[in-house]
Amino acid sequence: MMEIRGAGCGEVALARAEPVYENFRQVGEEYICTSCGKLYASAAETPFVSGPEKPKVFSDADWAKDAAPPVFEGADRQHCCGWCRHLILSSFGQRCGVLNRFTDATDVCGRFEKKVDKLDGIV
């Protein structure tokens, strides 16, 4: 946030940065007090308020952890409708053969039975 203490109004308000152009090129920024509308020609002239430091929520140890924790462990892998033997695929949609309703491959239900791979046992 860009908070300033406005010289015109004396209040703490937000500053709006506006670009300054010369021959279609940006040459700088000027700041405007949103409370009173006073214009400051540069950041050096703008009376910014440096408030109290914000609380630090995360420590350095939090960022050192694994970036991608494992979501599924062992038996939970491939335990959704896309891997179920009751999933019926057609050009009109995906349907559960037990419940006879439309489903998505990522849905999960209690009647899951793993598909039998036709290539199992072939050497």
C-alpha atoms as a PDB file:
ATOM      1  CA  MET A   1       0.000   0.000   0.000  1.00  0.00           C
ATOM      2  CA  MET A   2       1.119   3.507  -0.686  1.00  0.00           C
ATOM      3  CA  GLU A   3      -0.158   5.477   2.281  1.00  0.00           C
ATOM      4  CA  ILE A   4       0.685   9.157   2.585  1.00  0.00           C
ATOM      5  CA  ARG A   5      -0.064  11.953   5.003  1.00  0.00           C
ATOM      6  CA  GLY A   6      -1.602  14.507   2.676  1.00  0.00           C
ATOM      7  CA  ALA A   7      -0.074  17.999   2.903  1.00  0.00           C
ATOM      8  CA  GLY A   8      -3.360  19.550   1.804  1.00  0.00           C
ATOM      9  CA  CYS A   9      -5.714  17.673   4.134  1.00  0.00           C
ATOM     10  CA  GLY A  10      -3.397  16.337   6.851  1.00  0.00           C
ATOM     11  CA  GLU A  11      -5.070  12.930   6.745  1.00  0.00           C
ATOM     12  CA  VAL A  12      -3.553   9.529   6.144  1.00  0.00           C
ATOM     13  CA  ALA A  13      -4.826   8.419   2.748  1.00  0.00           C
ATOM     14  CA  LEU A  14      -3.820   6.291  -0.199  1.00  0.00           C
ATOM     15  CA  ALA A  15      -1.677   7.707  -2.980  1.00  0.00           C
ATOM     16  CA  ARG A  16      -2.482   6.989  -6.602  1.00  0.00           C
ATOM     17  CA  ALA A  17       0.510   6.741  -8.938  1.00  0.00           C
ATOM     18  CA  GLU A  18      -0.024   8.322 -12.346  1.00  0.00           C
ATOM     19  CA  PRO A  19       2.486   7.914 -15.189  1.00  0.00           C
ATOM     20  CA  VAL A  20       4.029  11.021 -16.763  1.00  0.00           C
ATOM     21  CA  TYR A  21       4.523  10.850 -20.539  1.00  0.00           C
ATOM     22  CA  GLU A  22       6.694  12.874 -22.871  1.00  0.00           C
ATOM     23  CA  ASN A  23       6.436  12.190 -26.613  1.00  0.00           C
ATOM     24  CA  PHE A  24       4.594   8.888 -25.990  1.00  0.00           C
ATOM     25  CA  ARG A  25       7.303   7.632 -23.618  1.00  0.00           C
ATOM     26  CA  GLN A  26       6.897   7.283 -19.873  1.00  0.00           C
ATOM     27  CA  VAL A  27       9.452   9.506 -18.172  1.00  0.00           C
ATOM     28  CA  GLY A  28       8.311   9.203 -14.561  1.00  0.00           C
ATOM     29  CA  GLU A  29       5.441   9.055 -12.089  1.00  0.00           C
ATOM     30  CA  GLU A  30       3.561  11.609 -10.090  1.00  0.00           C
ATOM     31  CA  TYR A  31       1.480  10.824  -7.011  1.00  0.00           C
ATOM     32  CA  ILE A  32      -1.979  12.109  -6.134  1.00  0.00           C
ATOM     33  CA  CYS A  33      -3.573  12.097  -2.672  1.00  0.00           C
ATOM     34  CA  THR A  34      -6.911  10.290  -2.934  1.00  0.00           C
ATOM     35  CA  SER A  35      -8.340  12.333  -0.055  1.00  0.00           C
ATOM     36  CA  CYS A  36      -7.693  15.923  -1.161  1.00  0.00           C
ATOM     37  CA  GLY A  37      -6.318  15.537  -4.703  1.00  0.00           C
ATOM     38  CA  LYS A  38      -2.965  17.259  -4.062  1.00  0.00           C
ATOM     39  CA  LEU A  39      -0.380  16.416  -6.719  1.00  0.00           C
ATOM     40  CA  TYR A  40       3.219  15.439  -5.878  1.00  0.00           C
ATOM     41  CA  ALA A  41       5.705  15.599  -8.764  1.00  0.00           C
ATOM     42  CA  SER A  42       7.896  12.651  -7.709  1.00  0.00           C
ATOM     43  CA  ALA A  43       8.287   9.912  -5.120  1.00  0.00           C
ATOM     44  CA  ALA A  44      10.935  11.981  -3.307  1.00  0.00           C
ATOM     45  CA  GLU A  45       8.424  14.809  -2.718  1.00  0.00           C
ATOM     46  CA  THR A  46       5.569  12.496  -1.657  1.00  0.00           C
ATOM     47  CA  PRO A  47       5.112  12.266   2.163  1.00  0.00           C
ATOM     48  CA  PHE A  48       4.793   8.476   2.432  1.00  0.00           C
ATOM     49  CA  VAL A  49       3.787   7.044   5.805  1.00  0.00           C
ATOM     50  CA  SER A  50       5.893   4.125   6.941  1.00  0.00           C
ATOM     51  CA  GLY A  51       3.505   2.216   9.164  1.00  0.00           C
ATOM     52  CA  PRO A  52       4.304  -0.507  11.627  1.00  0.00           C
ATOM     53  CA  GLU A  53       5.886  -3.627  10.162  1.00  0.00           C
ATOM     54  CA  LYS A  54       3.344  -6.219   9.166  1.00  0.00           C
ATOM     55  CA  PRO A  55       3.397  -9.482  11.157  1.00  0.00           C
ATOM     56  CA  LYS A  56       5.430 -12.265   9.611  1.00  0.00           C
ATOM     57  CA  VAL A  57       3.076 -15.191   9.064  1.00  0.00           C
ATOM     58  CA  PHE A  58       5.466 -17.725   7.528  1.00  0.00           C
ATOM     59  CA  SER A  59       8.926 -18.554   8.805  1.00  0.00           C
ATOM     60  CA  ASP A  60      11.885 -19.548   6.663  1.00  0.00           C
ATOM     61  CA  ALA A  61      11.349 -23.172   7.733  1.00  0.00           C
ATOM     62  CA  ASP A  62       7.887 -23.128   6.104  1.00  0.00           C
ATOM     63  CA  TRP A  63       9.380 -22.313   2.717  1.00  0.00           C
ATOM     64  CA  ALA A  64      12.037 -25.049   3.066  1.00  0.00           C
ATOM     65  CA  LYS A  65       9.438 -27.846   3.040  1.00  0.00           C
ATOM     66  CA  ASP A  66       8.709 -29.969  -0.016  1.00  0.00           C
ATOM     67  CA  ALA A  67       7.081 -27.996  -2.788  1.00  0.00           C
ATOM     68  CA  ALA A  68       4.631 -30.755  -3.738  1.00  0.00           C
ATOM     69  CA  PRO A  69       3.497 -32.997  -0.880  1.00  0.00           C
ATOM     70  CA  PRO A  70       2.181 -36.424  -1.845  1.00  0.00           C
ATOM     71  CA  VAL A  71      -1.591 -36.278  -2.188  1.00  0.00           C
ATOM     72  CA  PHE A  72      -2.384 -39.978  -2.489  1.00  0.00           C
ATOM     73  CA  GLU A  73      -0.626 -42.743  -0.607  1.00  0.00           C
ATOM     74  CA  GLY A  74      -0.541 -46.415  -1.596  1.00  0.00           C
ATOM     75  CA  ALA A  75      -4.102 -47.799  -1.553  1.00  0.00           C
ATOM     76  CA  ASP A  76      -5.658 -44.406  -2.299  1.00  0.00           C
ATOM     77  CA  ARG A  77      -4.039 -44.205  -5.722  1.00  0.00           C
ATOM     78  CA  GLN A  78      -6.281 -45.005  -8.661  1.00  0.00           C
ATOM     79  CA  HIS A  79      -9.351 -45.213  -6.416  1.00  0.00           C
ATOM     80  CA  CYS A  80     -11.747 -43.046  -8.425  1.00  0.00           C
ATOM     81  CA  CYS A  81     -14.387 -43.704 -11.056  1.00  0.00           C
ATOM     82  CA  GLY A  82     -11.889 -43.429 -13.896  1.00  0.00           C
ATOM     83  CA  TRP A  83     -10.246 -46.642 -12.658  1.00  0.00           C
ATOM     84  CA  CYS A  84     -13.496 -48.433 -11.707  1.00  0.00           C
ATOM     85  CA  ARG A  85     -14.799 -51.425 -13.669  1.00  0.00           C
ATOM     86  CA  HIS A  86     -18.355 -50.000 -13.583  1.00  0.00           C
ATOM     87  CA  LEU A  87     -17.498 -46.867 -15.601  1.00  0.00           C
ATOM     88  CA  ILE A  88     -19.219 -46.884 -18.981  1.00  0.00           C
ATOM     89  CA  LEU A  89     -17.714 -44.566 -21.596  1.00  0.00           C
ATOM     90  CA  SER A  90     -19.721 -43.456 -24.608  1.00  0.00           C
ATOM     91  CA  SER A  91     -19.753 -40.537 -26.995  1.00  0.00           C
ATOM     92  CA  PHE A  92     -22.670 -39.072 -24.993  1.00  0.00           C
ATOM     93  CA  GLY A  93     -20.901 -39.049 -21.622  1.00  0.00           C
ATOM     94  CA  GLN A  94     -19.597 -41.137 -18.782  1.00  0.00           C
ATOM     95  CA  ARG A  95     -22.039 -43.208 -16.799  1.00  0.00           C
ATOM     96  CA  CYS A  96     -21.836 -45.424 -13.710  1.00  0.00           C
ATOM     97  CA  GLY A  97     -23.017 -48.957 -14.533  1.00  0.00           C
ATOM     98  CA  VAL A  98     -24.207 -49.593 -10.952  1.00  0.00           C
ATOM     99  CA  LEU A  99     -26.034 -46.342 -10.193  1.00  0.00           C
ATOM    100  CA  ASN A 100     -27.019 -45.612 -13.823  1.00  0.00           C
ATOM    101  CA  ARG A 101     -26.202 -41.905 -13.562  1.00  0.00           C
ATOM    102  CA  PHE A 102     -23.760 -39.523 -15.190  1.00  0.00           C
ATOM    103  CA  THR A 103     -20.401 -39.362 -13.464  1.00  0.00           C
ATOM    104  CA  ASP A 104     -16.946 -37.898 -13.944  1.00  0.00           C
ATOM    105  CA  ALA A 105     -13.732 -39.885 -14.020  1.00  0.00           C
ATOM    106  CA  THR A 106     -12.538 -38.025 -10.916  1.00  0.00           C
ATOM    107  CA  ASP A 107     -15.599 -38.900  -8.787  1.00  0.00           C
ATOM    108  CA  VAL A 108     -15.281 -41.339  -5.902  1.00  0.00           C
ATOM    109  CA  CYS A 109     -17.935 -43.698  -4.548  1.00  0.00           C
ATOM    110  CA  GLY A 110     -18.216 -46.571  -2.081  1.00  0.00           C
ATOM    111  CA  ARG A 111     -18.924 -49.174  -4.774  1.00  0.00           C
ATOM    112  CA  PHE A 112     -15.461 -48.904  -6.339  1.00  0.00           C
ATOM    113  CA  GLU A 113     -14.055 -52.056  -7.913  1.00  0.00           C
ATOM    114  CA  LYS A 114     -10.726 -51.878  -9.704  1.00  0.00           C
ATOM    115  CA  LYS A 115     -10.725 -52.583 -13.433  1.00  0.00           C
ATOM    116  CA  VAL A 116      -9.272 -55.905 -14.482  1.00  0.00           C
ATOM    117  CA  ASP A 117      -6.472 -55.231 -16.912  1.00  0.00           C
ATOM    118  CA  LYS A 118      -6.843 -57.489 -19.924  1.00  0.00           C
ATOM    119  CA  LEU A 119      -3.088 -57.599 -20.357  1.00  0.00           C
ATOM    120  CA  ASP A 120      -2.402 -59.005 -16.849  1.00  0.00           C
ATOM    121  CA  GLY A 121      -0.757 -62.400 -17.056  1.00  0.00           C
ATOM    122  CA  ILE A 122       0.469 -61.922 -20.628  1.00  0.00           C
ATOM    123  CA  VAL A 123       4.210 -62.264 -20.786  1.00  0.00           C
END
